[in-house]
Amino acid sequence: MAGGFGLIGCLVVVVAAVLVSGASAETHMVGDDLQWKVPPGGPIAYSVWADKQDFQIGDTLIFNWTGNHDVVKVSKSVFDNCTTTNVVGTVQSTSPANFTLDANGTHYFICTVSNHCYFGQKVAVTIGDTGAATPLAATAFSVVLFALAFSLFTSM
């Protein structure tokens, strides 16, 4: 009986370590080498960049630019229409501007200077998959269930 509980204890510690190591926050330089500017490749440049990222709650977006730009968090409607009214946050006009991602869902950011947004200086980042367990959480859950089943089997 004690051996089964020892195994469960070890497995719980291993699962906790995996979950903690997988949960560390990351920093994302928006646009990488492109930085935050009107993209020369057209309006899809930042969506291509965002699609290659793995955003998690607690991650930080860093908008870095030179010249006349800014960044602000906005609603989907403002993002889609490139309007500068009814923004969600405060316009950040000093580079670099940092935003911490604090919730699942899609977060929208635009530049409000001139027609920069219309020309593609906007980015949407999505965190999480609502309703589905993450692969790491599903794996951890499976390990815990296996440990419990093993413990019950060996204690009989």
N, C-alpha and C. Protein backbone atom coordinates (compact mmCIF):
# COMPACT_ATOMS: atom_id res chain seq x y z
N MET A 1 0.83 -1.19 0.00
CA MET A 1 0.00 0.00 0.00
C MET A 1 0.87 1.25 0.00
N ALA A 2 1.92 1.26 0.84
CA ALA A 2 2.77 2.45 0.91
C ALA A 2 3.51 2.67 -0.40
N GLY A 3 3.87 1.54 -1.07
CA GLY A 3 4.57 1.67 -2.36
C GLY A 3 3.71 2.35 -3.40
N GLY A 4 2.40 2.07 -3.40
CA GLY A 4 1.49 2.70 -4.35
C GLY A 4 1.39 4.18 -4.11
N PHE A 5 1.32 4.60 -2.86
CA PHE A 5 1.25 6.03 -2.56
C PHE A 5 2.55 6.74 -2.90
N GLY A 6 3.69 6.03 -2.75
CA GLY A 6 4.97 6.61 -3.12
C GLY A 6 5.04 6.87 -4.61
N LEU A 7 4.52 5.92 -5.38
CA LEU A 7 4.49 6.08 -6.84
C LEU A 7 3.59 7.24 -7.24
N ILE A 8 2.43 7.32 -6.60
CA ILE A 8 1.52 8.44 -6.89
C ILE A 8 2.19 9.76 -6.56
N GLY A 9 2.85 9.82 -5.41
CA GLY A 9 3.53 11.06 -5.02
C GLY A 9 4.59 11.47 -6.04
N CYS A 10 5.36 10.49 -6.51
CA CYS A 10 6.39 10.79 -7.51
C CYS A 10 5.77 11.28 -8.82
N LEU A 11 4.71 10.59 -9.25
CA LEU A 11 4.07 10.99 -10.50
C LEU A 11 3.44 12.37 -10.40
N VAL A 12 2.84 12.68 -9.25
CA VAL A 12 2.24 14.01 -9.06
C VAL A 12 3.32 15.08 -9.13
N VAL A 13 4.48 14.82 -8.52
CA VAL A 13 5.58 15.79 -8.56
C VAL A 13 6.07 15.97 -10.00
N VAL A 14 6.20 14.88 -10.75
CA VAL A 14 6.66 14.97 -12.14
C VAL A 14 5.65 15.76 -12.98
N VAL A 15 4.35 15.45 -12.82
CA VAL A 15 3.32 16.16 -13.57
C VAL A 15 3.33 17.64 -13.22
N ALA A 16 3.45 17.97 -11.94
CA ALA A 16 3.49 19.38 -11.53
C ALA A 16 4.69 20.08 -12.14
N ALA A 17 5.83 19.42 -12.17
CA ALA A 17 7.03 20.03 -12.77
C ALA A 17 6.84 20.28 -14.25
N VAL A 18 6.21 19.33 -14.96
CA VAL A 18 5.96 19.51 -16.39
C VAL A 18 5.01 20.68 -16.62
N LEU A 19 3.95 20.76 -15.81
CA LEU A 19 3.00 21.85 -15.97
C LEU A 19 3.62 23.20 -15.68
N VAL A 20 4.43 23.29 -14.65
CA VAL A 20 5.07 24.56 -14.30
C VAL A 20 6.07 24.96 -15.38
N SER A 21 6.87 24.00 -15.87
CA SER A 21 7.86 24.36 -16.90
C SER A 21 7.18 24.75 -18.20
N GLY A 22 6.01 24.20 -18.50
CA GLY A 22 5.30 24.54 -19.72
C GLY A 22 4.55 25.84 -19.61
N ALA A 23 4.46 26.41 -18.41
CA ALA A 23 3.63 27.59 -18.21
C ALA A 23 4.44 28.88 -18.12
N SER A 24 5.72 28.84 -18.43
CA SER A 24 6.51 30.06 -18.30
C SER A 24 6.16 31.06 -19.40
N ALA A 25 6.07 32.29 -19.02
CA ALA A 25 5.70 33.36 -19.95
C ALA A 25 6.83 33.63 -20.94
N GLU A 26 6.43 34.00 -22.14
CA GLU A 26 7.40 34.33 -23.19
C GLU A 26 7.22 35.76 -23.64
N THR A 27 8.24 36.27 -24.31
CA THR A 27 8.21 37.60 -24.88
C THR A 27 8.19 37.47 -26.40
N HIS A 28 7.28 38.20 -27.03
CA HIS A 28 7.16 38.16 -28.49
C HIS A 28 7.42 39.56 -29.05
N MET A 29 8.45 39.69 -29.89
CA MET A 29 8.71 40.94 -30.57
C MET A 29 7.79 40.99 -31.78
N VAL A 30 6.80 41.85 -31.75
CA VAL A 30 5.80 41.90 -32.81
C VAL A 30 6.46 42.20 -34.15
N GLY A 31 6.23 41.29 -35.11
CA GLY A 31 6.79 41.45 -36.45
C GLY A 31 8.23 40.98 -36.59
N ASP A 32 8.85 40.55 -35.49
CA ASP A 32 10.26 40.15 -35.49
C ASP A 32 11.11 41.24 -36.15
N ASP A 33 11.83 40.91 -37.24
CA ASP A 33 12.71 41.89 -37.89
C ASP A 33 11.95 43.04 -38.54
N LEU A 34 10.71 42.82 -38.92
CA LEU A 34 9.89 43.87 -39.50
C LEU A 34 9.61 44.97 -38.48
N GLN A 35 9.52 44.59 -37.22
CA GLN A 35 9.14 45.46 -36.11
C GLN A 35 7.72 45.97 -36.33
N TRP A 36 7.37 47.10 -35.75
CA TRP A 36 6.02 47.66 -35.82
C TRP A 36 6.06 48.87 -36.74
N LYS A 37 5.67 48.64 -37.99
CA LYS A 37 5.63 49.72 -38.98
C LYS A 37 4.65 49.32 -40.07
N VAL A 38 4.37 50.21 -40.98
CA VAL A 38 3.51 49.87 -42.11
C VAL A 38 4.25 48.79 -42.89
N PRO A 39 3.66 47.61 -43.02
CA PRO A 39 4.40 46.51 -43.65
C PRO A 39 4.54 46.69 -45.16
N PRO A 40 5.75 46.54 -45.67
CA PRO A 40 5.97 46.72 -47.10
C PRO A 40 5.30 45.62 -47.93
N GLY A 41 5.05 44.47 -47.33
CA GLY A 41 4.46 43.34 -48.05
C GLY A 41 2.95 43.36 -48.09
N GLY A 42 2.33 44.38 -47.57
CA GLY A 42 0.88 44.45 -47.59
C GLY A 42 0.25 44.07 -46.26
N PRO A 43 -1.06 44.03 -46.25
CA PRO A 43 -1.80 43.90 -44.99
C PRO A 43 -1.75 42.52 -44.33
N ILE A 44 -1.13 41.53 -44.94
CA ILE A 44 -1.12 40.21 -44.29
C ILE A 44 0.16 39.93 -43.49
N ALA A 45 1.11 40.83 -43.54
CA ALA A 45 2.41 40.58 -42.91
C ALA A 45 2.29 40.21 -41.43
N TYR A 46 1.51 40.95 -40.67
CA TYR A 46 1.41 40.68 -39.23
C TYR A 46 0.57 39.45 -38.93
N SER A 47 -0.41 39.14 -39.78
CA SER A 47 -1.18 37.91 -39.55
C SER A 47 -0.31 36.68 -39.83
N VAL A 48 0.56 36.76 -40.82
CA VAL A 48 1.50 35.67 -41.08
C VAL A 48 2.42 35.50 -39.88
N TRP A 49 2.93 36.62 -39.34
CA TRP A 49 3.80 36.55 -38.15
C TRP A 49 3.04 35.92 -36.98
N ALA A 50 1.83 36.37 -36.71
CA ALA A 50 1.05 35.88 -35.56
C ALA A 50 0.73 34.40 -35.69
N ASP A 51 0.47 33.94 -36.91
CA ASP A 51 0.16 32.52 -37.12
C ASP A 51 1.32 31.61 -36.77
N LYS A 52 2.54 32.13 -36.79
CA LYS A 52 3.73 31.32 -36.48
C LYS A 52 4.05 31.31 -34.99
N GLN A 53 3.31 32.07 -34.19
CA GLN A 53 3.59 32.19 -32.76
C GLN A 53 2.67 31.26 -31.96
N ASP A 54 3.11 30.96 -30.75
CA ASP A 54 2.29 30.20 -29.80
C ASP A 54 2.08 31.10 -28.59
N PHE A 55 0.97 31.81 -28.56
CA PHE A 55 0.70 32.76 -27.50
C PHE A 55 0.03 32.08 -26.32
N GLN A 56 0.44 32.47 -25.12
CA GLN A 56 -0.13 31.94 -23.88
C GLN A 56 -0.46 33.09 -22.94
N ILE A 57 -1.36 32.84 -22.01
CA ILE A 57 -1.66 33.84 -20.98
C ILE A 57 -0.37 34.13 -20.22
N GLY A 58 -0.09 35.40 -20.00
CA GLY A 58 1.13 35.82 -19.31
C GLY A 58 2.24 36.25 -20.25
N ASP A 59 2.13 35.90 -21.52
CA ASP A 59 3.14 36.33 -22.50
C ASP A 59 3.08 37.84 -22.68
N THR A 60 4.19 38.42 -23.10
CA THR A 60 4.27 39.86 -23.35
C THR A 60 4.53 40.11 -24.82
N LEU A 61 3.74 41.02 -25.39
CA LEU A 61 3.98 41.49 -26.75
C LEU A 61 4.78 42.78 -26.65
N ILE A 62 5.85 42.87 -27.41
CA ILE A 62 6.65 44.09 -27.44
C ILE A 62 6.54 44.70 -28.84
N PHE A 63 5.99 45.89 -28.89
CA PHE A 63 5.87 46.64 -30.14
C PHE A 63 7.03 47.63 -30.17
N ASN A 64 7.92 47.44 -31.12
CA ASN A 64 9.12 48.26 -31.22
C ASN A 64 9.12 48.97 -32.58
N TRP A 65 9.32 50.29 -32.56
CA TRP A 65 9.30 51.04 -33.82
C TRP A 65 10.19 52.27 -33.74
N THR A 66 10.47 52.79 -34.92
CA THR A 66 11.10 54.11 -35.05
C THR A 66 10.17 54.92 -35.94
N GLY A 67 10.23 56.21 -35.83
CA GLY A 67 9.36 57.05 -36.65
C GLY A 67 8.03 57.34 -35.98
N ASN A 68 7.07 57.75 -36.78
CA ASN A 68 5.77 58.20 -36.28
C ASN A 68 4.75 57.06 -36.29
N HIS A 69 4.68 56.34 -35.18
CA HIS A 69 3.74 55.23 -35.02
C HIS A 69 3.23 55.24 -33.59
N ASP A 70 2.22 54.42 -33.33
CA ASP A 70 1.75 54.16 -31.98
C ASP A 70 1.08 52.80 -32.00
N VAL A 71 0.55 52.37 -30.87
CA VAL A 71 -0.17 51.10 -30.79
C VAL A 71 -1.21 51.20 -29.69
N VAL A 72 -2.36 50.57 -29.93
CA VAL A 72 -3.43 50.54 -28.94
C VAL A 72 -4.20 49.24 -29.11
N LYS A 73 -4.68 48.71 -27.98
CA LYS A 73 -5.53 47.54 -28.00
C LYS A 73 -6.95 47.99 -28.34
N VAL A 74 -7.61 47.25 -29.25
CA VAL A 74 -8.93 47.66 -29.74
C VAL A 74 -9.88 46.46 -29.79
N SER A 75 -11.13 46.74 -30.05
CA SER A 75 -12.13 45.69 -30.24
C SER A 75 -12.00 45.12 -31.66
N LYS A 76 -12.67 44.01 -31.91
CA LYS A 76 -12.65 43.41 -33.25
C LYS A 76 -13.25 44.37 -34.27
N SER A 77 -14.31 45.06 -33.91
CA SER A 77 -14.96 46.00 -34.83
C SER A 77 -14.01 47.13 -35.23
N VAL A 78 -13.32 47.69 -34.26
CA VAL A 78 -12.35 48.76 -34.54
C VAL A 78 -11.21 48.20 -35.40
N PHE A 79 -10.75 47.01 -35.06
CA PHE A 79 -9.69 46.35 -35.82
C PHE A 79 -10.11 46.15 -37.28
N ASP A 80 -11.30 45.60 -37.47
CA ASP A 80 -11.78 45.31 -38.83
C ASP A 80 -11.97 46.58 -39.66
N ASN A 81 -12.43 47.65 -39.03
CA ASN A 81 -12.75 48.88 -39.75
C ASN A 81 -11.67 49.95 -39.67
N CYS A 82 -10.60 49.69 -38.91
CA CYS A 82 -9.51 50.65 -38.74
C CYS A 82 -10.01 52.02 -38.30
N THR A 83 -10.94 52.02 -37.36
CA THR A 83 -11.39 53.29 -36.79
C THR A 83 -10.54 53.59 -35.56
N THR A 84 -10.53 54.83 -35.16
CA THR A 84 -9.71 55.19 -33.99
C THR A 84 -10.58 55.65 -32.82
N THR A 85 -11.89 55.44 -32.91
CA THR A 85 -12.77 55.77 -31.79
C THR A 85 -13.10 54.49 -31.03
N ASN A 86 -13.45 54.66 -29.77
CA ASN A 86 -13.82 53.53 -28.91
C ASN A 86 -12.73 52.48 -28.78
N VAL A 87 -11.50 52.91 -28.59
CA VAL A 87 -10.41 51.96 -28.38
C VAL A 87 -10.52 51.37 -26.98
N VAL A 88 -9.99 50.18 -26.78
CA VAL A 88 -10.09 49.49 -25.49
C VAL A 88 -9.10 50.05 -24.48
N GLY A 89 -7.89 50.30 -24.92
CA GLY A 89 -6.84 50.74 -24.02
C GLY A 89 -6.36 52.14 -24.31
N THR A 90 -5.25 52.47 -23.71
CA THR A 90 -4.61 53.77 -23.90
C THR A 90 -3.65 53.67 -25.07
N VAL A 91 -3.67 54.67 -25.92
CA VAL A 91 -2.73 54.70 -27.05
C VAL A 91 -1.32 54.86 -26.50
N GLN A 92 -0.45 53.93 -26.89
CA GLN A 92 0.95 53.97 -26.48
C GLN A 92 1.75 54.60 -27.62
N SER A 93 2.36 55.76 -27.35
CA SER A 93 3.06 56.47 -28.41
C SER A 93 4.58 56.46 -28.24
N THR A 94 5.06 55.74 -27.24
CA THR A 94 6.49 55.64 -27.00
C THR A 94 6.93 54.20 -27.22
N SER A 95 7.97 54.03 -28.02
CA SER A 95 8.51 52.70 -28.30
C SER A 95 9.65 52.38 -27.33
N PRO A 96 9.75 51.16 -26.89
CA PRO A 96 8.86 50.04 -27.13
C PRO A 96 7.63 50.10 -26.21
N ALA A 97 6.53 49.56 -26.71
CA ALA A 97 5.29 49.47 -25.93
C ALA A 97 5.04 48.00 -25.64
N ASN A 98 4.78 47.68 -24.39
CA ASN A 98 4.58 46.30 -23.97
C ASN A 98 3.13 46.06 -23.56
N PHE A 99 2.61 44.91 -23.95
CA PHE A 99 1.27 44.48 -23.55
C PHE A 99 1.36 43.05 -23.05
N THR A 100 0.83 42.79 -21.87
CA THR A 100 0.79 41.43 -21.35
C THR A 100 -0.55 40.82 -21.69
N LEU A 101 -0.51 39.63 -22.27
CA LEU A 101 -1.73 38.92 -22.64
C LEU A 101 -2.29 38.26 -21.39
N ASP A 102 -3.51 38.66 -21.02
CA ASP A 102 -4.04 38.26 -19.72
C ASP A 102 -5.29 37.39 -19.77
N ALA A 103 -5.73 36.99 -20.95
CA ALA A 103 -6.93 36.17 -21.04
C ALA A 103 -6.96 35.40 -22.36
N ASN A 104 -7.66 34.27 -22.36
CA ASN A 104 -7.88 33.54 -23.60
C ASN A 104 -8.73 34.37 -24.53
N GLY A 105 -8.63 34.10 -25.81
CA GLY A 105 -9.41 34.82 -26.80
C GLY A 105 -8.48 35.53 -27.77
N THR A 106 -9.07 36.37 -28.60
CA THR A 106 -8.29 37.12 -29.57
C THR A 106 -8.13 38.56 -29.11
N HIS A 107 -6.90 39.05 -29.19
CA HIS A 107 -6.55 40.42 -28.79
C HIS A 107 -6.14 41.17 -30.06
N TYR A 108 -6.68 42.38 -30.20
CA TYR A 108 -6.49 43.16 -31.43
C TYR A 108 -5.71 44.43 -31.13
N PHE A 109 -4.73 44.74 -31.99
CA PHE A 109 -3.90 45.93 -31.84
C PHE A 109 -3.78 46.63 -33.18
N ILE A 110 -3.80 47.96 -33.16
CA ILE A 110 -3.64 48.75 -34.39
C ILE A 110 -2.74 49.95 -34.13
N CYS A 111 -2.24 50.52 -35.22
CA CYS A 111 -1.58 51.82 -35.18
C CYS A 111 -2.65 52.84 -35.57
N THR A 112 -2.78 53.92 -34.81
CA THR A 112 -3.82 54.92 -35.09
C THR A 112 -3.31 56.10 -35.93
N VAL A 113 -2.04 56.09 -36.28
CA VAL A 113 -1.46 57.20 -37.04
C VAL A 113 -1.91 57.12 -38.50
N SER A 114 -2.46 58.22 -39.00
CA SER A 114 -2.84 58.35 -40.41
C SER A 114 -3.60 57.11 -40.88
N ASN A 115 -3.26 56.55 -42.07
CA ASN A 115 -3.92 55.33 -42.55
C ASN A 115 -3.04 54.11 -42.36
N HIS A 116 -2.19 54.12 -41.35
CA HIS A 116 -1.29 52.98 -41.12
C HIS A 116 -2.07 51.68 -40.96
N CYS A 117 -3.17 51.74 -40.21
CA CYS A 117 -3.98 50.53 -40.01
C CYS A 117 -4.51 50.01 -41.34
N TYR A 118 -5.05 50.89 -42.16
CA TYR A 118 -5.59 50.49 -43.47
C TYR A 118 -4.52 49.81 -44.33
N PHE A 119 -3.27 50.24 -44.17
CA PHE A 119 -2.18 49.68 -44.96
C PHE A 119 -1.57 48.43 -44.31
N GLY A 120 -2.18 47.95 -43.21
CA GLY A 120 -1.76 46.68 -42.63
C GLY A 120 -1.03 46.75 -41.31
N GLN A 121 -0.90 47.91 -40.71
CA GLN A 121 -0.21 47.99 -39.42
C GLN A 121 -1.21 47.69 -38.31
N LYS A 122 -1.56 46.39 -38.25
CA LYS A 122 -2.48 45.89 -37.23
C LYS A 122 -2.20 44.40 -37.07
N VAL A 123 -2.46 43.91 -35.86
CA VAL A 123 -2.20 42.50 -35.58
C VAL A 123 -3.25 41.97 -34.62
N ALA A 124 -3.66 40.73 -34.86
CA ALA A 124 -4.58 40.01 -33.97
C ALA A 124 -3.84 38.78 -33.45
N VAL A 125 -3.84 38.59 -32.15
CA VAL A 125 -3.20 37.41 -31.55
C VAL A 125 -4.25 36.64 -30.76
N THR A 126 -4.20 35.33 -30.90
CA THR A 126 -5.19 34.47 -30.25
C THR A 126 -4.51 33.56 -29.24
N ILE A 127 -5.15 33.48 -28.08
CA ILE A 127 -4.67 32.61 -27.01
C ILE A 127 -5.74 31.57 -26.73
N GLY A 128 -5.33 30.33 -26.65
CA GLY A 128 -6.22 29.27 -26.21
C GLY A 128 -7.19 28.79 -27.27
N ASP A 129 -7.77 27.67 -26.93
CA ASP A 129 -8.80 27.06 -27.77
C ASP A 129 -9.97 26.81 -26.85
N THR A 130 -10.93 27.68 -26.88
CA THR A 130 -12.04 27.60 -25.93
C THR A 130 -12.73 26.25 -26.01
N GLY A 131 -12.84 25.61 -24.84
CA GLY A 131 -13.56 24.35 -24.73
C GLY A 131 -12.70 23.11 -24.89
N ALA A 132 -11.49 23.22 -25.38
CA ALA A 132 -10.66 22.04 -25.56
C ALA A 132 -9.49 22.07 -24.60
N ALA A 133 -9.16 20.90 -24.06
CA ALA A 133 -8.01 20.82 -23.16
C ALA A 133 -6.74 20.97 -23.98
N THR A 134 -5.74 21.62 -23.40
CA THR A 134 -4.46 21.74 -24.08
C THR A 134 -3.79 20.36 -24.08
N PRO A 135 -2.94 20.06 -25.05
CA PRO A 135 -2.28 18.75 -25.07
C PRO A 135 -1.52 18.49 -23.78
N LEU A 136 -0.87 19.49 -23.22
CA LEU A 136 -0.12 19.31 -21.98
C LEU A 136 -1.06 18.97 -20.84
N ALA A 137 -2.17 19.65 -20.72
CA ALA A 137 -3.14 19.36 -19.65
C ALA A 137 -3.73 17.98 -19.84
N ALA A 138 -4.04 17.59 -21.06
CA ALA A 138 -4.60 16.28 -21.32
C ALA A 138 -3.60 15.19 -20.96
N THR A 139 -2.33 15.38 -21.29
CA THR A 139 -1.29 14.42 -20.96
C THR A 139 -1.13 14.30 -19.45
N ALA A 140 -1.11 15.43 -18.75
CA ALA A 140 -0.96 15.42 -17.30
C ALA A 140 -2.13 14.70 -16.66
N PHE A 141 -3.34 14.95 -17.16
CA PHE A 141 -4.53 14.29 -16.62
C PHE A 141 -4.43 12.78 -16.83
N SER A 142 -3.98 12.33 -18.00
CA SER A 142 -3.83 10.91 -18.29
C SER A 142 -2.82 10.26 -17.35
N VAL A 143 -1.72 10.93 -17.08
CA VAL A 143 -0.70 10.40 -16.18
C VAL A 143 -1.26 10.24 -14.77
N VAL A 144 -2.01 11.22 -14.31
CA VAL A 144 -2.59 11.14 -12.97
C VAL A 144 -3.59 9.99 -12.90
N LEU A 145 -4.44 9.85 -13.92
CA LEU A 145 -5.40 8.74 -13.93
C LEU A 145 -4.69 7.40 -13.93
N PHE A 146 -3.62 7.28 -14.72
CA PHE A 146 -2.85 6.04 -14.74
C PHE A 146 -2.26 5.75 -13.36
N ALA A 147 -1.73 6.77 -12.71
CA ALA A 147 -1.14 6.58 -11.39
C ALA A 147 -2.18 6.11 -10.38
N LEU A 148 -3.36 6.70 -10.43
CA LEU A 148 -4.42 6.28 -9.51
C LEU A 148 -4.86 4.85 -9.79
N ALA A 149 -5.04 4.49 -11.04
CA ALA A 149 -5.44 3.14 -11.40
C ALA A 149 -4.37 2.14 -10.98
N PHE A 150 -3.11 2.47 -11.23
CA PHE A 150 -2.01 1.60 -10.86
C PHE A 150 -1.96 1.40 -9.35
N SER A 151 -2.17 2.48 -8.61
CA SER A 151 -2.15 2.41 -7.15
C SER A 151 -3.27 1.52 -6.64
N LEU A 152 -4.46 1.66 -7.19
CA LEU A 152 -5.58 0.83 -6.77
C LEU A 152 -5.32 -0.62 -7.11
N PHE A 153 -4.77 -0.88 -8.29
CA PHE A 153 -4.51 -2.25 -8.73
C PHE A 153 -3.46 -2.90 -7.83
N THR A 154 -2.38 -2.20 -7.50
CA THR A 154 -1.30 -2.80 -6.71
C THR A 154 -1.65 -2.91 -5.25
N SER A 155 -2.65 -2.18 -4.77
CA SER A 155 -3.02 -2.27 -3.36
C SER A 155 -4.02 -3.38 -3.11
N MET A 156 -4.50 -4.06 -4.16
CA MET A 156 -5.49 -5.14 -3.98
C MET A 156 -4.83 -6.41 -3.59
